[in-house]
C-alpha atoms as a PDB file:
ATOM      1  CA  UNK A   1     121.687 105.825  49.497  1.00  0.00           C
ATOM      2  CA  UNK A   2     121.733 103.235  46.613  1.00  0.00           C
ATOM      3  CA  UNK A   3     118.337 102.110  44.875  1.00  0.00           C
ATOM      4  CA  UNK A   4     117.923  99.178  47.205  1.00  0.00           C
ATOM      5  CA  UNK A   5     118.451 101.141  50.177  1.00  0.00           C
ATOM      6  CA  UNK A   6     115.946 103.655  49.083  1.00  0.00           C
ATOM      7  CA  UNK A   7     113.330 100.899  48.375  1.00  0.00           C
ATOM      8  CA  UNK A   8     113.820  99.258  51.742  1.00  0.00           C
ATOM      9  CA  UNK A   9     113.804 102.291  53.921  1.00  0.00           C
ATOM     10  CA  UNK A  10     110.234 103.078  54.083  1.00  0.00           C
ATOM     11  CA  UNK A  11     109.534  99.394  54.969  1.00  0.00           C
ATOM     12  CA  UNK A  12     112.072  99.107  57.620  1.00  0.00           C
ATOM     13  CA  UNK A  13     110.705 102.277  59.205  1.00  0.00           C
ATOM     14  CA  UNK A  14     107.110 101.013  59.061  1.00  0.00           C
ATOM     15  CA  UNK A  15     108.495  97.601  60.647  1.00  0.00           C
ATOM     16  CA  UNK A  16     110.235  99.380  63.550  1.00  0.00           C
ATOM     17  CA  UNK A  17     106.931 101.503  64.215  1.00  0.00           C
ATOM     18  CA  UNK A  18     104.859  98.366  64.038  1.00  0.00           C
ATOM     19  CA  UNK A  19     107.136  96.690  66.614  1.00  0.00           C
ATOM     20  CA  UNK A  20     107.179  99.642  68.876  1.00  0.00           C
ATOM     21  CA  UNK A  21     103.444  99.858  68.719  1.00  0.00           C
ATOM     22  CA  UNK A  22     103.504  96.132  69.633  1.00  0.00           C
ATOM     23  CA  UNK A  23     105.825  96.632  72.492  1.00  0.00           C
ATOM     24  CA  UNK A  24     103.440  99.546  73.858  1.00  0.00           C
ATOM     25  CA  UNK A  25     100.337  97.088  73.597  1.00  0.00           C
ATOM     26  CA  UNK A  26     101.976  94.626  75.549  1.00  0.00           C
ATOM     27  CA  UNK A  27     103.135  97.279  78.249  1.00  0.00           C
ATOM     28  CA  UNK A  28      99.702  98.604  78.207  1.00  0.00           C
ATOM     29  CA  UNK A  29      98.269  94.970  78.385  1.00  0.00           C
ATOM     30  CA  UNK A  30     100.808  94.404  81.276  1.00  0.00           C
ATOM     31  CA  UNK A  31      99.604  97.313  83.220  1.00  0.00           C
ATOM     32  CA  UNK A  32      95.918  96.623  82.782  1.00  0.00           C
ATOM     33  CA  UNK A  33      96.512  92.981  84.065  1.00  0.00           C
ATOM     34  CA  UNK A  34      98.704  94.270  86.891  1.00  0.00           C
ATOM     35  CA  UNK A  35      95.748  96.737  87.940  1.00  0.00           C
ATOM     36  CA  UNK A  36      93.381  94.139  87.763  1.00  0.00           C
ATOM     37  CA  UNK A  37      95.106  91.831  90.149  1.00  0.00           C
ATOM     38  CA  UNK A  38      95.890  94.518  92.427  1.00  0.00           C
ATOM     39  CA  UNK A  39      92.183  95.337  92.853  1.00  0.00           C
ATOM     40  CA  UNK A  40      91.395  91.586  93.339  1.00  0.00           C
ATOM     41  CA  UNK A  41      93.980  91.306  95.892  1.00  0.00           C
ATOM     42  CA  UNK A  42      92.207  94.142  97.894  1.00  0.00           C
ATOM     43  CA  UNK A  43      88.898  92.461  97.422  1.00  0.00           C
ATOM     44  CA  UNK A  44      90.900  89.812  99.076  1.00  0.00           C
ATOM     45  CA  UNK A  45      91.801  91.851 101.863  1.00  0.00           C
ATOM     46  CA  UNK A  46      88.539  93.377 102.356  1.00  0.00           C
ATOM     47  CA  UNK A  47      87.097  89.757 102.431  1.00  0.00           C
ATOM     48  CA  UNK A  48      89.172  88.569 105.224  1.00  0.00           C
ATOM     49  CA  UNK A  49      88.209  91.998 107.473  1.00  0.00           C
ATOM     50  CA  UNK A  50      84.723  91.196 106.691  1.00  0.00           C
ATOM     51  CA  UNK A  51      85.041  87.401 107.669  1.00  0.00           C
ATOM     52  CA  UNK A  52      86.413  88.632 110.901  1.00  0.00           C
ATOM     53  CA  UNK A  53      83.377  91.021 111.351  1.00  0.00           C
ATOM     54  CA  UNK A  54      80.905  88.114 110.847  1.00  0.00           C
ATOM     55  CA  UNK A  55      82.724  85.862 113.213  1.00  0.00           C
ATOM     56  CA  UNK A  56      84.077  83.776 110.255  1.00  0.00           C
ATOM     57  CA  UNK A  57      87.799  84.721 110.413  1.00  0.00           C
ATOM     58  CA  UNK A  58      90.569  85.118 112.523  1.00  0.00           C
ATOM     59  CA  UNK A  59      91.646  88.770 114.004  1.00  0.00           C
ATOM     60  CA  UNK A  60      95.222  87.927 112.774  1.00  0.00           C
ATOM     61  CA  UNK A  61      93.893  87.366 109.450  1.00  0.00           C
ATOM     62  CA  UNK A  62      92.076  90.461 109.126  1.00  0.00           C
ATOM     63  CA  UNK A  63      95.037  92.612 110.760  1.00  0.00           C
ATOM     64  CA  UNK A  64      97.488  91.370 107.912  1.00  0.00           C
ATOM     65  CA  UNK A  65      94.830  92.116 105.524  1.00  0.00           C
ATOM     66  CA  UNK A  66      94.108  95.624 106.686  1.00  0.00           C
ATOM     67  CA  UNK A  67      97.702  96.612 106.713  1.00  0.00           C
ATOM     68  CA  UNK A  68      98.024  95.174 103.063  1.00  0.00           C
ATOM     69  CA  UNK A  69      94.961  97.302 102.016  1.00  0.00           C
ATOM     70  CA  UNK A  70      96.651 100.412 103.236  1.00  0.00           C
ATOM     71  CA  UNK A  71      99.863  99.633 101.032  1.00  0.00           C
ATOM     72  CA  UNK A  72      97.861  98.688  98.167  1.00  0.00           C
ATOM     73  CA  UNK A  73      95.456 101.506  98.046  1.00  0.00           C
ATOM     74  CA  UNK A  74      98.377 104.235  98.160  1.00  0.00           C
ATOM     75  CA  UNK A  75      99.853 102.495  95.067  1.00  0.00           C
ATOM     76  CA  UNK A  76      96.831 102.895  92.899  1.00  0.00           C
ATOM     77  CA  UNK A  77      97.711 106.080  91.022  1.00  0.00           C
ATOM     78  CA  UNK A  78     100.949 104.284  89.977  1.00  0.00           C
ATOM     79  CA  UNK A  79      98.673 101.489  88.460  1.00  0.00           C
ATOM     80  CA  UNK A  80      96.981 103.794  86.102  1.00  0.00           C
ATOM     81  CA  UNK A  81      99.420 104.692  83.306  1.00  0.00           C
ATOM     82  CA  UNK A  82      97.911 106.968  80.619  1.00  0.00           C
ATOM     83  CA  UNK A  83      96.479 104.842  77.701  1.00  0.00           C
ATOM     84  CA  UNK A  84      95.585 101.813  79.794  1.00  0.00           C
ATOM     85  CA  UNK A  85      91.646 102.824  80.079  1.00  0.00           C
ATOM     86  CA  UNK A  86      88.565 101.463  78.395  1.00  0.00           C
ATOM     87  CA  UNK A  87      88.576 103.886  75.597  1.00  0.00           C
ATOM     88  CA  UNK A  88      91.717 102.181  74.388  1.00  0.00           C
ATOM     89  CA  UNK A  89      91.011  98.771  75.440  1.00  0.00           C
ATOM     90  CA  UNK A  90      87.382  97.946  75.582  1.00  0.00           C
ATOM     91  CA  UNK A  91      86.396  94.830  77.250  1.00  0.00           C
ATOM     92  CA  UNK A  92      89.909  94.381  78.832  1.00  0.00           C
ATOM     93  CA  UNK A  93      90.043  97.558  80.826  1.00  0.00           C
ATOM     94  CA  UNK A  94      87.289  98.992  83.145  1.00  0.00           C
ATOM     95  CA  UNK A  95      89.420 102.418  84.037  1.00  0.00           C
ATOM     96  CA  UNK A  96      87.126 105.142  82.896  1.00  0.00           C
ATOM     97  CA  UNK A  97      88.840 108.155  80.957  1.00  0.00           C
ATOM     98  CA  UNK A  98      87.919 110.391  83.552  1.00  0.00           C
ATOM     99  CA  UNK A  99      91.079 109.025  85.321  1.00  0.00           C
ATOM    100  CA  UNK A 100      93.426 111.019  83.113  1.00  0.00           C
ATOM    101  CA  UNK A 101      91.217 113.786  82.197  1.00  0.00           C
ATOM    102  CA  UNK A 102      90.503 114.351  85.880  1.00  0.00           C
ATOM    103  CA  UNK A 103      93.848 113.285  87.447  1.00  0.00           C
ATOM    104  CA  UNK A 104      93.743 115.669  90.283  1.00  0.00           C
ATOM    105  CA  UNK A 105      90.183 114.482  91.266  1.00  0.00           C
ATOM    106  CA  UNK A 106      91.512 110.721  90.988  1.00  0.00           C
ATOM    107  CA  UNK A 107      94.687 111.427  93.133  1.00  0.00           C
ATOM    108  CA  UNK A 108      91.935 113.034  95.708  1.00  0.00           C
ATOM    109  CA  UNK A 109      89.947 110.308  95.874  1.00  0.00           C
ATOM    110  CA  UNK A 110      92.706 107.777  96.402  1.00  0.00           C
ATOM    111  CA  UNK A 111      93.984 109.879  99.322  1.00  0.00           C
ATOM    112  CA  UNK A 112      90.636 109.744 100.639  1.00  0.00           C
ATOM    113  CA  UNK A 113      90.542 105.979 100.207  1.00  0.00           C
ATOM    114  CA  UNK A 114      93.927 105.782 101.931  1.00  0.00           C
ATOM    115  CA  UNK A 115      92.819 107.840 104.892  1.00  0.00           C
ATOM    116  CA  UNK A 116      89.896 105.386 105.361  1.00  0.00           C
ATOM    117  CA  UNK A 117      91.982 102.210 104.948  1.00  0.00           C
ATOM    118  CA  UNK A 118      94.262 103.605 107.694  1.00  0.00           C
ATOM    119  CA  UNK A 119      91.091 104.381 110.013  1.00  0.00           C
ATOM    120  CA  UNK A 120      90.209 100.623 109.181  1.00  0.00           C
ATOM    121  CA  UNK A 121      93.567  99.482 109.883  1.00  0.00           C
ATOM    122  CA  UNK A 122      93.845 101.246 113.368  1.00  0.00           C
ATOM    123  CA  UNK A 123      90.224  99.744 114.217  1.00  0.00           C
ATOM    124  CA  UNK A 124      91.513  96.139 113.066  1.00  0.00           C
ATOM    125  CA  UNK A 125      94.536  96.659 115.096  1.00  0.00           C
ATOM    126  CA  UNK A 126      92.318  97.517 118.154  1.00  0.00           C
ATOM    127  CA  UNK A 127      90.492  94.474 117.813  1.00  0.00           C
ATOM    128  CA  UNK A 128      86.988  95.934 118.672  1.00  0.00           C
ATOM    129  CA  UNK A 129      84.566  94.242 116.264  1.00  0.00           C
ATOM    130  CA  UNK A 130      81.902  97.080 116.396  1.00  0.00           C
ATOM    131  CA  UNK A 131      84.704  99.764 115.388  1.00  0.00           C
ATOM    132  CA  UNK A 132      85.601  97.428 112.658  1.00  0.00           C
ATOM    133  CA  UNK A 133      82.646  96.918 111.331  1.00  0.00           C
ATOM    134  CA  UNK A 134      81.920 100.798 111.413  1.00  0.00           C
ATOM    135  CA  UNK A 135      85.319 101.481 109.731  1.00  0.00           C
ATOM    136  CA  UNK A 136      84.746  98.636 107.170  1.00  0.00           C
ATOM    137  CA  UNK A 137      80.993 100.016 106.463  1.00  0.00           C
ATOM    138  CA  UNK A 138      82.774 103.640 105.465  1.00  0.00           C
ATOM    139  CA  UNK A 139      85.538 102.012 103.487  1.00  0.00           C
ATOM    140  CA  UNK A 140      82.855  99.858 101.478  1.00  0.00           C
ATOM    141  CA  UNK A 141      79.372 101.817 101.553  1.00  0.00           C
ATOM    142  CA  UNK A 142      77.861 101.924  98.009  1.00  0.00           C
ATOM    143  CA  UNK A 143      80.967 100.396  96.562  1.00  0.00           C
ATOM    144  CA  UNK A 144      80.175 101.505  92.967  1.00  0.00           C
ATOM    145  CA  UNK A 145      79.222 105.115  94.150  1.00  0.00           C
ATOM    146  CA  UNK A 146      75.901 105.124  92.368  1.00  0.00           C
ATOM    147  CA  UNK A 147      73.405 104.586  95.149  1.00  0.00           C
ATOM    148  CA  UNK A 148      73.888 107.689  97.376  1.00  0.00           C
ATOM    149  CA  UNK A 149      75.423 111.113  97.216  1.00  0.00           C
ATOM    150  CA  UNK A 150      77.854 109.944 100.255  1.00  0.00           C
ATOM    151  CA  UNK A 151      79.692 106.573  98.870  1.00  0.00           C
ATOM    152  CA  UNK A 152      82.258 104.894 101.083  1.00  0.00           C
ATOM    153  CA  UNK A 153      85.918 105.218 100.173  1.00  0.00           C
ATOM    154  CA  UNK A 154      85.751 102.464  97.703  1.00  0.00           C
ATOM    155  CA  UNK A 155      82.774 103.889  95.994  1.00  0.00           C
ATOM    156  CA  UNK A 156      84.381 107.583  95.848  1.00  0.00           C
ATOM    157  CA  UNK A 157      86.618 106.008  93.136  1.00  0.00           C
ATOM    158  CA  UNK A 158      84.949 103.210  91.568  1.00  0.00           C
ATOM    159  CA  UNK A 159      81.506 105.526  90.883  1.00  0.00           C
ATOM    160  CA  UNK A 160      83.547 108.163  88.798  1.00  0.00           C
ATOM    161  CA  UNK A 161      86.677 106.210  87.555  1.00  0.00           C
ATOM    162  CA  UNK A 162      85.838 102.724  87.089  1.00  0.00           C
ATOM    163  CA  UNK A 163      83.147 100.898  84.849  1.00  0.00           C
ATOM    164  CA  UNK A 164      81.595  97.733  86.614  1.00  0.00           C
ATOM    165  CA  UNK A 165      82.792  94.638  84.828  1.00  0.00           C
ATOM    166  CA  UNK A 166      79.911  92.893  83.388  1.00  0.00           C
ATOM    167  CA  UNK A 167      79.074  89.484  85.100  1.00  0.00           C
END
């Protein structure tokens, strides 16, 4: 190595590290954005189902929404790459660090939510408003999992693994 190369090498290494860190942050930001968009789509699905139970929506829309909900909930663990939580990205991510420190519990909560979504989908496909309302209640009861020892499927995950976004 000549003198110029020796002088430039540390700067080049520092630049490469900075570029890699920037790429990682961009990837994390994209993952957070995708997760949040996914959750908003689930909320929209739940809204279509609730609208049907309140005579404000069509059964066909509720059926499409419940089928979508089953697929979306099953994808949640894939939307939680390590390093994208609120500890690393305060005011951007609302995913609690417990997702990664208690990964098995997180995955179990997701499986429970998938089962509840499948039950809701079965009820919606059947078209019986009372059965849909009951299954919807099981899905969304105590959404943030703070008011009872028996939250619904959404609350079973949100209570332990997500921080409510400030209004």
